[in-house]
């Protein structure tokens, strides 16, 4: 692939992955509560979800899902329920327990599910597949490059957001500060449901 194609693809996927949304909010909250090392399964799950969703979109699967009103509505309902459940779980938290081994961060599969159940993710990856199909006309190559670019961009982005959560955890001193920040992050995650219903 030529640099004139790789540059715009890398820029697009990095901007898409780093912009605030449900996954970035979840990564920040996970870094805050569990630290970077314990958040890596979730980060890799989200990245794998993003990569596989982008590859599937390039292969035409996203078009089929978005063309079926019943399937699209079902995806919205399940995705909304999952995001709201995660938002509620984050908002209820206070200071992490001293023995953080007792707490369970979001798993690899939970992170992957976050992407696969998000209609906004489907629309974004389908848009990317459509946009870059003129530059990479072979569907297999398009799926490979989009998947790799989205996956790597997600790892970079989510590691940065999670690290932000780790830094914030060091700055918080009181139980009230922890509770306020967790309510704020939970509210942001809940608000990320709104665009799901706009597509």
Protein backbone atom coordinates (compact mmCIF):
# COMPACT_ATOMS: atom_id res chain seq x y z
CA UNK A 1 0.00 0.00 0.00
CA UNK A 2 1.26 3.46 -0.83
CA UNK A 3 2.04 6.08 1.80
CA UNK A 4 -0.58 8.38 0.29
CA UNK A 5 -3.20 5.78 1.32
CA UNK A 6 -1.68 4.65 4.61
CA UNK A 7 -1.34 8.21 6.00
CA UNK A 8 -5.02 9.15 5.66
CA UNK A 9 -6.12 5.71 6.87
CA UNK A 10 -3.92 5.94 9.98
CA UNK A 11 -5.07 9.50 10.70
CA UNK A 12 -8.75 8.63 10.26
CA UNK A 13 -8.62 5.57 12.51
CA UNK A 14 -6.58 7.33 15.21
CA UNK A 15 -8.96 10.30 15.32
CA UNK A 16 -11.96 7.95 15.38
CA UNK A 17 -10.44 5.86 18.17
CA UNK A 18 -9.17 8.72 20.35
CA UNK A 19 -12.28 10.90 20.25
CA UNK A 20 -14.36 10.69 23.46
CA UNK A 21 -17.09 8.09 23.57
CA UNK A 22 -18.18 4.97 25.39
CA UNK A 23 -14.95 2.99 24.95
CA UNK A 24 -12.69 5.89 25.94
CA UNK A 25 -14.81 6.65 29.00
CA UNK A 26 -14.74 3.00 30.00
CA UNK A 27 -10.93 2.92 29.57
CA UNK A 28 -10.54 6.01 31.77
CA UNK A 29 -12.80 4.54 34.45
CA UNK A 30 -10.95 1.22 34.30
CA UNK A 31 -7.57 2.93 34.71
CA UNK A 32 -8.99 4.89 37.63
CA UNK A 33 -10.34 1.81 39.41
CA UNK A 34 -7.96 -1.00 38.42
CA UNK A 35 -4.79 0.53 36.95
CA UNK A 36 -3.29 0.03 33.52
CA UNK A 37 -2.03 -3.55 33.86
CA UNK A 38 -5.39 -4.96 35.00
CA UNK A 39 -7.17 -2.99 32.25
CA UNK A 40 -5.19 -4.52 29.37
CA UNK A 41 -7.64 -7.42 28.79
CA UNK A 42 -10.45 -4.89 28.31
CA UNK A 43 -8.24 -2.67 26.11
CA UNK A 44 -7.29 -5.63 23.90
CA UNK A 45 -10.92 -6.77 23.81
CA UNK A 46 -12.09 -3.36 22.62
CA UNK A 47 -9.24 -3.19 20.10
CA UNK A 48 -10.03 -6.68 18.79
CA UNK A 49 -13.71 -5.75 18.63
CA UNK A 50 -12.88 -2.61 16.67
CA UNK A 51 -10.51 -4.45 14.33
CA UNK A 52 -12.90 -7.33 13.66
CA UNK A 53 -15.85 -4.97 13.24
CA UNK A 54 -13.88 -2.88 10.72
CA UNK A 55 -12.86 -6.02 8.82
CA UNK A 56 -16.47 -7.25 8.83
CA UNK A 57 -17.68 -3.85 7.63
CA UNK A 58 -15.17 -3.93 4.77
CA UNK A 59 -16.50 -7.41 3.95
CA UNK A 60 -20.06 -6.06 3.72
CA UNK A 61 -21.52 -7.37 7.00
CA UNK A 62 -22.26 -3.90 8.38
CA UNK A 63 -24.36 -3.06 5.32
CA UNK A 64 -26.50 -6.16 5.93
CA UNK A 65 -27.03 -5.35 9.63
CA UNK A 66 -27.85 -1.70 9.02
CA UNK A 67 -30.19 -2.62 6.14
CA UNK A 68 -32.33 -4.85 8.39
CA UNK A 69 -34.54 -2.62 10.57
CA UNK A 70 -35.34 -5.41 13.05
CA UNK A 71 -31.70 -6.45 13.45
CA UNK A 72 -30.60 -2.82 13.72
CA UNK A 73 -33.22 -2.12 16.41
CA UNK A 74 -32.23 -5.25 18.32
CA UNK A 75 -28.59 -4.18 18.19
CA UNK A 76 -29.54 -0.75 19.52
CA UNK A 77 -31.56 -2.19 22.39
CA UNK A 78 -28.93 -4.72 23.48
CA UNK A 79 -26.11 -2.18 23.03
CA UNK A 80 -27.98 0.46 25.02
CA UNK A 81 -28.73 -1.99 27.84
CA UNK A 82 -25.08 -3.07 28.03
CA UNK A 83 -23.73 0.50 28.04
CA UNK A 84 -26.26 1.62 30.67
CA UNK A 85 -25.41 -1.38 32.85
CA UNK A 86 -21.69 -0.48 32.62
CA UNK A 87 -22.47 3.20 33.33
CA UNK A 88 -24.46 2.27 36.43
CA UNK A 89 -21.67 -0.04 37.64
CA UNK A 90 -19.09 2.75 37.23
CA UNK A 91 -21.27 5.42 38.87
CA UNK A 92 -21.86 3.22 41.94
CA UNK A 93 -18.15 2.84 42.65
CA UNK A 94 -16.22 4.82 45.22
CA UNK A 95 -12.57 4.50 46.13
CA UNK A 96 -11.18 1.14 44.95
CA UNK A 97 -10.77 -1.44 47.72
CA UNK A 98 -7.28 -1.82 49.19
CA UNK A 99 -7.13 -5.37 47.83
CA UNK A 100 -7.96 -4.67 44.17
CA UNK A 101 -7.64 -8.37 43.35
CA UNK A 102 -11.17 -8.76 44.77
CA UNK A 103 -12.61 -6.36 42.17
CA UNK A 104 -13.23 -7.49 38.60
CA UNK A 105 -12.43 -5.16 35.68
CA UNK A 106 -14.25 -5.53 32.37
CA UNK A 107 -12.97 -8.64 30.58
CA UNK A 108 -11.63 -9.12 27.05
CA UNK A 109 -15.06 -10.40 25.97
CA UNK A 110 -16.85 -7.52 27.67
CA UNK A 111 -14.62 -5.05 25.84
CA UNK A 112 -15.20 -6.78 22.53
CA UNK A 113 -18.94 -6.85 23.15
CA UNK A 114 -18.92 -3.11 23.77
CA UNK A 115 -17.89 -2.58 20.15
CA UNK A 116 -19.97 -5.28 18.51
CA UNK A 117 -23.16 -4.10 20.27
CA UNK A 118 -22.67 -0.45 19.38
CA UNK A 119 -24.53 0.67 16.23
CA UNK A 120 -22.40 3.82 16.18
CA UNK A 121 -19.35 1.57 15.77
CA UNK A 122 -21.05 -0.26 12.91
CA UNK A 123 -21.90 3.02 11.17
CA UNK A 124 -18.36 4.40 11.68
CA UNK A 125 -16.61 1.29 10.35
CA UNK A 126 -19.04 1.04 7.44
CA UNK A 127 -18.32 4.68 6.59
CA UNK A 128 -14.58 4.00 6.76
CA UNK A 129 -14.96 0.94 4.53
CA UNK A 130 -16.93 2.95 1.99
CA UNK A 131 -14.50 5.88 2.10
CA UNK A 132 -11.33 3.83 1.72
CA UNK A 133 -12.71 1.32 -0.80
CA UNK A 134 -11.74 3.65 -3.64
CA UNK A 135 -8.13 3.72 -2.39
CA UNK A 136 -8.01 -0.02 -1.57
CA UNK A 137 -10.36 -1.68 -4.08
CA UNK A 138 -9.61 -5.30 -3.13
CA UNK A 139 -12.09 -6.25 -0.33
CA UNK A 140 -9.66 -8.65 1.38
CA UNK A 141 -6.91 -6.02 1.43
CA UNK A 142 -9.40 -3.38 2.59
CA UNK A 143 -10.58 -5.64 5.43
CA UNK A 144 -6.99 -6.40 6.46
CA UNK A 145 -5.79 -2.79 6.41
CA UNK A 146 -8.91 -1.38 8.07
CA UNK A 147 -8.84 -4.06 10.76
CA UNK A 148 -5.15 -3.51 11.48
CA UNK A 149 -5.43 0.28 11.48
CA UNK A 150 -8.49 0.37 13.75
CA UNK A 151 -7.02 -2.26 16.09
CA UNK A 152 -3.68 -0.48 16.52
CA UNK A 153 -5.32 2.93 16.84
CA UNK A 154 -7.65 1.57 19.52
CA UNK A 155 -4.74 0.14 21.53
CA UNK A 156 -2.87 3.48 21.41
CA UNK A 157 -5.97 5.53 22.20
CA UNK A 158 -7.31 3.35 24.99
CA UNK A 159 -3.90 3.04 26.62
CA UNK A 160 -3.71 6.85 26.72
CA UNK A 161 -7.23 7.19 28.15
CA UNK A 162 -6.60 4.42 30.68
CA UNK A 163 -3.32 6.07 31.71
CA UNK A 164 -5.26 9.28 32.25
CA UNK A 165 -7.44 7.36 34.68
CA UNK A 166 -4.34 6.07 36.48
CA UNK A 167 -3.01 9.63 36.88
CA UNK A 168 -6.40 10.84 38.10
CA UNK A 169 -6.45 8.06 40.71
CA UNK A 170 -3.22 9.40 42.17
CA UNK A 171 -4.72 12.88 42.50
CA UNK A 172 -7.90 11.84 44.31
CA UNK A 173 -7.65 12.04 48.09
CA UNK A 174 -11.13 11.70 49.56
CA UNK A 175 -14.01 9.27 49.19
CA UNK A 176 -16.17 12.18 47.99
CA UNK A 177 -13.73 12.99 45.17
CA UNK A 178 -13.78 9.35 44.07
CA UNK A 179 -17.57 9.20 44.17
CA UNK A 180 -18.01 12.47 42.22
CA UNK A 181 -15.57 11.39 39.51
CA UNK A 182 -17.13 7.93 39.17
CA UNK A 183 -20.61 9.46 38.91
CA UNK A 184 -19.27 11.85 36.25
CA UNK A 185 -17.65 9.02 34.25
CA UNK A 186 -20.76 6.85 34.59
CA UNK A 187 -22.88 9.76 33.38
CA UNK A 188 -20.59 10.29 30.37
CA UNK A 189 -20.87 6.62 29.49
CA UNK A 190 -24.67 6.76 29.84
CA UNK A 191 -24.74 9.89 27.64
CA UNK A 192 -22.81 7.99 24.95
CA UNK A 193 -26.06 6.05 24.38
CA UNK A 194 -27.75 9.12 22.89
CA UNK A 195 -25.92 9.01 19.52
CA UNK A 196 -26.81 5.32 19.18
CA UNK A 197 -30.45 6.35 18.76
CA UNK A 198 -29.61 9.10 16.27
CA UNK A 199 -28.31 6.66 13.61
